[in-house]
C-alpha atoms as a PDB file:
ATOM      1  CA  MET A   1     -17.633 -91.184 107.393  1.00  0.00           C
ATOM      2  CA  ASP A   2     -21.309 -90.822 108.254  1.00  0.00           C
ATOM      3  CA  ARG A   3     -22.122 -94.502 108.871  1.00  0.00           C
ATOM      4  CA  ILE A   4     -22.721 -95.192 112.545  1.00  0.00           C
ATOM      5  CA  THR A   5     -25.101 -98.136 112.258  1.00  0.00           C
ATOM      6  CA  ALA A   6     -26.237-100.644 109.639  1.00  0.00           C
ATOM      7  CA  SER A   7     -28.535-103.651 109.354  1.00  0.00           C
ATOM      8  CA  LEU A   8     -28.140-106.725 107.151  1.00  0.00           C
ATOM      9  CA  SER A   9     -31.762-106.288 106.093  1.00  0.00           C
ATOM     10  CA  HIS A  10     -30.826-102.933 104.503  1.00  0.00           C
ATOM     11  CA  LEU A  11     -27.427-103.803 103.000  1.00  0.00           C
ATOM     12  CA  GLU A  12     -27.171-104.855  99.369  1.00  0.00           C
ATOM     13  CA  ARG A  13     -25.779-108.327  98.674  1.00  0.00           C
ATOM     14  CA  GLU A  14     -22.801-108.324  96.298  1.00  0.00           C
ATOM     15  CA  LEU A  15     -20.178-110.739  95.020  1.00  0.00           C
ATOM     16  CA  THR A  16     -16.957-110.976  96.980  1.00  0.00           C
ATOM     17  CA  ALA A  17     -13.776-109.595  95.395  1.00  0.00           C
ATOM     18  CA  HIS A  18     -12.963-113.187  94.377  1.00  0.00           C
ATOM     19  CA  ALA A  19     -16.286-113.628  92.524  1.00  0.00           C
ATOM     20  CA  GLN A  20     -17.262-116.519  94.813  1.00  0.00           C
ATOM     21  CA  GLY A  21     -19.825-116.193  97.560  1.00  0.00           C
ATOM     22  CA  THR A  22     -21.620-113.018  98.568  1.00  0.00           C
ATOM     23  CA  LYS A  23     -21.052-110.294 101.101  1.00  0.00           C
ATOM     24  CA  GLN A  24     -22.912-107.435 102.710  1.00  0.00           C
ATOM     25  CA  VAL A  25     -20.536-104.612 103.591  1.00  0.00           C
ATOM     26  CA  PHE A  26     -20.975-102.667 106.836  1.00  0.00           C
ATOM     27  CA  LEU A  27     -17.907-100.450 106.356  1.00  0.00           C
ATOM     28  CA  ARG A  28     -15.695 -99.650 103.371  1.00  0.00           C
ATOM     29  CA  PRO A  29     -12.454 -97.674 103.041  1.00  0.00           C
ATOM     30  CA  GLY A  30     -13.161 -94.066 103.885  1.00  0.00           C
ATOM     31  CA  ASP A  31     -16.001 -94.907 106.298  1.00  0.00           C
ATOM     32  CA  SER A  32     -13.490 -94.838 109.166  1.00  0.00           C
ATOM     33  CA  LEU A  33     -10.311 -92.922 109.964  1.00  0.00           C
ATOM     34  CA  SER A  34      -8.637 -96.220 110.915  1.00  0.00           C
ATOM     35  CA  GLY A  35      -6.767 -98.641 108.669  1.00  0.00           C
ATOM     36  CA  LEU A  36      -9.951-100.707 108.285  1.00  0.00           C
ATOM     37  CA  THR A  37     -10.282-101.801 104.655  1.00  0.00           C
ATOM     38  CA  GLN A  38     -13.650-103.544 105.003  1.00  0.00           C
ATOM     39  CA  PHE A  39     -16.028-104.972 107.607  1.00  0.00           C
ATOM     40  CA  ALA A  40     -18.581-107.378 106.153  1.00  0.00           C
ATOM     41  CA  TYR A  41     -20.870-110.367 106.587  1.00  0.00           C
ATOM     42  CA  GLY A  42     -20.131-113.109 104.057  1.00  0.00           C
ATOM     43  CA  VAL A  43     -21.754-116.314 102.820  1.00  0.00           C
ATOM     44  CA  PHE A  44     -20.143-119.107 100.808  1.00  0.00           C
ATOM     45  CA  MET A  45     -22.415-121.822  99.453  1.00  0.00           C
ATOM     46  CA  ARG A  46     -21.225-125.417  99.069  1.00  0.00           C
ATOM     47  CA  THR A  47     -18.347-125.592  96.568  1.00  0.00           C
ATOM     48  CA  ASP A  48     -17.728-121.798  96.708  1.00  0.00           C
ATOM     49  CA  HIS A  49     -14.057-121.009  97.162  1.00  0.00           C
ATOM     50  CA  CYS A  50     -11.547-118.267  96.588  1.00  0.00           C
ATOM     51  CA  GLU A  51      -8.318-118.989  94.780  1.00  0.00           C
ATOM     52  CA  ARG A  52      -5.053-118.901  96.700  1.00  0.00           C
ATOM     53  CA  HIS A  53      -3.916-115.268  96.940  1.00  0.00           C
ATOM     54  CA  VAL A  54      -1.840-112.833  99.013  1.00  0.00           C
ATOM     55  CA  HIS A  55      -2.462-109.360 100.457  1.00  0.00           C
ATOM     56  CA  PRO A  56       1.004-107.835 100.984  1.00  0.00           C
ATOM     57  CA  THR A  57      -0.276-104.853 103.000  1.00  0.00           C
ATOM     58  CA  MET A  58      -3.481-106.118 104.601  1.00  0.00           C
ATOM     59  CA  GLU A  59      -4.232-108.427 107.525  1.00  0.00           C
ATOM     60  CA  GLU A  60      -7.605-110.212 107.497  1.00  0.00           C
ATOM     61  CA  CYS A  61      -9.712-111.618 110.332  1.00  0.00           C
ATOM     62  CA  PHE A  62     -12.652-114.016 109.972  1.00  0.00           C
ATOM     63  CA  PHE A  63     -15.162-115.257 112.563  1.00  0.00           C
ATOM     64  CA  PHE A  64     -17.354-118.140 111.400  1.00  0.00           C
ATOM     65  CA  LEU A  65     -21.005-118.186 112.484  1.00  0.00           C
ATOM     66  CA  LYS A  66     -22.216-121.449 110.909  1.00  0.00           C
ATOM     67  CA  GLY A  67     -21.491-124.000 108.220  1.00  0.00           C
ATOM     68  CA  ASP A  68     -18.350-125.977 107.424  1.00  0.00           C
ATOM     69  CA  GLY A  69     -15.280-125.179 105.402  1.00  0.00           C
ATOM     70  CA  ARG A  70     -11.518-125.097 105.251  1.00  0.00           C
ATOM     71  CA  PHE A  71      -9.068-122.215 105.431  1.00  0.00           C
ATOM     72  CA  GLU A  72      -5.650-122.815 103.911  1.00  0.00           C
ATOM     73  CA  ILE A  73      -2.920-120.470 105.121  1.00  0.00           C
ATOM     74  CA  GLY A  74       0.508-121.374 103.815  1.00  0.00           C
ATOM     75  CA  GLU A  75       0.740-125.133 104.372  1.00  0.00           C
ATOM     76  CA  GLN A  76      -1.757-125.097 107.261  1.00  0.00           C
ATOM     77  CA  HIS A  77      -5.315-126.419 106.692  1.00  0.00           C
ATOM     78  CA  ILE A  78      -7.773-125.124 109.294  1.00  0.00           C
ATOM     79  CA  PRO A  79     -11.200-126.798 109.618  1.00  0.00           C
ATOM     80  CA  LEU A  80     -13.985-124.231 109.899  1.00  0.00           C
ATOM     81  CA  GLY A  81     -17.249-124.295 111.777  1.00  0.00           C
ATOM     82  CA  LYS A  82     -19.347-122.259 114.186  1.00  0.00           C
ATOM     83  CA  GLY A  83     -17.231-120.231 116.600  1.00  0.00           C
ATOM     84  CA  VAL A  84     -13.890-120.541 114.782  1.00  0.00           C
ATOM     85  CA  PHE A  85     -11.718-117.418 114.436  1.00  0.00           C
ATOM     86  CA  VAL A  86      -8.942-117.158 111.814  1.00  0.00           C
ATOM     87  CA  ARG A  87      -6.372-114.386 111.360  1.00  0.00           C
ATOM     88  CA  VAL A  88      -4.540-114.185 108.037  1.00  0.00           C
ATOM     89  CA  PRO A  89      -1.266-112.271 108.433  1.00  0.00           C
ATOM     90  CA  ALA A  90      -0.307-109.805 105.705  1.00  0.00           C
ATOM     91  CA  GLY A  91       1.812-111.525 103.072  1.00  0.00           C
ATOM     92  CA  ALA A  92       0.485-115.032 103.821  1.00  0.00           C
ATOM     93  CA  ALA A  93      -0.869-117.024 100.867  1.00  0.00           C
ATOM     94  CA  HIS A  94      -4.387-118.175 101.717  1.00  0.00           C
ATOM     95  CA  ARG A  95      -7.541-119.759 100.345  1.00  0.00           C
ATOM     96  CA  LEU A  96     -11.092-120.226 101.721  1.00  0.00           C
ATOM     97  CA  VAL A  97     -13.288-123.189 100.732  1.00  0.00           C
ATOM     98  CA  ALA A  98     -16.877-124.035 101.763  1.00  0.00           C
ATOM     99  CA  THR A  99     -17.333-127.790 102.227  1.00  0.00           C
ATOM    100  CA  GLY A 100     -20.638-128.344 104.027  1.00  0.00           C
ATOM    101  CA  GLU A 101     -24.214-128.723 102.863  1.00  0.00           C
ATOM    102  CA  GLU A 102     -25.388-125.566 104.643  1.00  0.00           C
ATOM    103  CA  PRO A 103     -23.973-122.109 103.853  1.00  0.00           C
ATOM    104  CA  LEU A 104     -20.681-121.076 105.460  1.00  0.00           C
ATOM    105  CA  GLU A 105     -21.465-117.757 107.148  1.00  0.00           C
ATOM    106  CA  TYR A 106     -18.837-115.418 108.581  1.00  0.00           C
ATOM    107  CA  ILE A 107     -17.975-111.922 109.716  1.00  0.00           C
ATOM    108  CA  TYR A 108     -14.842-110.482 108.133  1.00  0.00           C
ATOM    109  CA  PHE A 109     -12.621-107.443 108.449  1.00  0.00           C
ATOM    110  CA  GLY A 110      -9.416-106.320 106.821  1.00  0.00           C
ATOM    111  CA  ILE A 111      -6.830-103.920 108.211  1.00  0.00           C
ATOM    112  CA  ALA A 112      -4.244-102.071 106.131  1.00  0.00           C
ATOM    113  CA  ILE A 113      -0.749-102.232 107.605  1.00  0.00           C
ATOM    114  CA  GLY A 114       2.493-100.398 106.910  1.00  0.00           C
END
C-alpha cells in the first residue's frame, strides 16, 4: 500500500487478462484498502478483442480516450469513441472489440462487490 503516484512512462506494459491488448497498471489488489481490483490504462489495436465473459463479483468501469470500438453488454451494443464512459455491472456478460484504424485507448477500473 505504498503507491501514491505513478507515471505511464515508468509502468511496464503487459498483456490484459484476456491476452488481447496491453495495459499499464496503476493500482493492483492490495495497493488500496478499498474494493478496487485494478486501475489501469489500456490499449487495444485494430482487431483486438476480449471474448464474452462475466465477473460475478466485480463491477468494471471504462473511460475511452481515443479510437473506435464496440462494447457488448448483454444484448446491448455500445459504440465507443473519445469521451465515452461504460459501466459493466457485476454478473453481466460483456465483450470489448476495437474496430478503428487507430488504437482504442482507455482508462479502466474494477471494484469487488459483495
